């Protein structure tokens, strides 16, 4: 779950961020990465601690990336 929900988001952002930056600088075309989270990112749930934690990571990582 950590690999799918957290590491994949990091690797995709790292891989595409420079490509998107170059695309904007050369062609003034915008790009986006869409990360999917869930309600589980907002509150803890019994027996779903890893799931909720990884989804909370996705939500905060996406918000931070947007600000950067």
Protein backbone atom coordinates (compact mmCIF):
# COMPACT_ATOMS: atom_id res chain seq x y z
CA UNK A 1 0.00 0.00 0.00
CA UNK A 2 2.87 2.37 0.75
CA UNK A 3 4.44 1.65 -2.64
CA UNK A 4 1.21 2.24 -4.54
CA UNK A 5 -0.20 5.19 -2.60
CA UNK A 6 2.95 7.06 -1.57
CA UNK A 7 6.04 6.05 -3.53
CA UNK A 8 4.24 6.11 -6.88
CA UNK A 9 3.11 9.70 -6.25
CA UNK A 10 6.65 10.76 -5.42
CA UNK A 11 8.20 9.03 -8.42
CA UNK A 12 5.60 10.41 -10.85
CA UNK A 13 6.02 13.94 -9.50
CA UNK A 14 9.79 13.69 -9.71
CA UNK A 15 9.73 12.26 -13.24
CA UNK A 16 7.27 14.74 -14.73
CA UNK A 17 8.04 17.94 -12.82
CA UNK A 18 11.07 18.88 -14.93
CA UNK A 19 9.26 17.95 -18.15
CA UNK A 20 6.30 20.12 -17.15
CA UNK A 21 8.60 22.99 -16.21
CA UNK A 22 10.34 22.84 -19.60
CA UNK A 23 7.00 22.63 -21.38
CA UNK A 24 5.83 25.78 -19.61
CA UNK A 25 9.06 27.69 -20.25
CA UNK A 26 9.20 26.82 -23.97
CA UNK A 27 5.55 26.63 -25.03
CA UNK A 28 3.56 28.28 -22.21
CA UNK A 29 1.43 25.15 -21.95
CA UNK A 30 0.18 24.08 -18.54
CA UNK A 31 0.29 20.53 -17.24
CA UNK A 32 -1.09 18.76 -14.20
CA UNK A 33 -0.66 15.64 -12.14
CA UNK A 34 -3.88 14.40 -10.57
CA UNK A 35 -3.54 12.42 -7.35
CA UNK A 36 -6.54 10.56 -5.96
CA UNK A 37 -7.16 10.52 -2.24
CA UNK A 38 -10.19 9.53 -0.19
CA UNK A 39 -12.23 10.45 2.86
CA UNK A 40 -9.88 8.15 4.74
CA UNK A 41 -7.29 10.92 4.53
CA UNK A 42 -9.35 13.15 6.81
CA UNK A 43 -9.80 10.92 9.85
CA UNK A 44 -8.39 7.78 11.41
CA UNK A 45 -10.27 4.49 11.03
CA UNK A 46 -9.80 1.27 12.97
CA UNK A 47 -8.07 -1.51 11.00
CA UNK A 48 -7.24 0.96 8.20
CA UNK A 49 -4.30 2.83 9.71
CA UNK A 50 -1.88 2.27 6.83
CA UNK A 51 -4.55 3.08 4.22
CA UNK A 52 -5.61 6.29 6.00
CA UNK A 53 -2.00 7.29 6.55
CA UNK A 54 -1.04 6.83 2.90
CA UNK A 55 -4.11 8.72 1.71
CA UNK A 56 -3.36 11.57 4.12
CA UNK A 57 0.15 11.65 2.69
CA UNK A 58 -1.30 11.91 -0.84
CA UNK A 59 -3.54 14.80 0.14
CA UNK A 60 -0.79 16.79 1.84
CA UNK A 61 1.83 15.95 -0.78
CA UNK A 62 -0.52 17.15 -3.53
CA UNK A 63 -1.27 20.39 -1.70
CA UNK A 64 2.43 21.01 -1.12
CA UNK A 65 3.29 20.29 -4.76
CA UNK A 66 0.61 22.76 -5.84
CA UNK A 67 2.19 25.48 -3.71
CA UNK A 68 5.64 24.79 -5.14
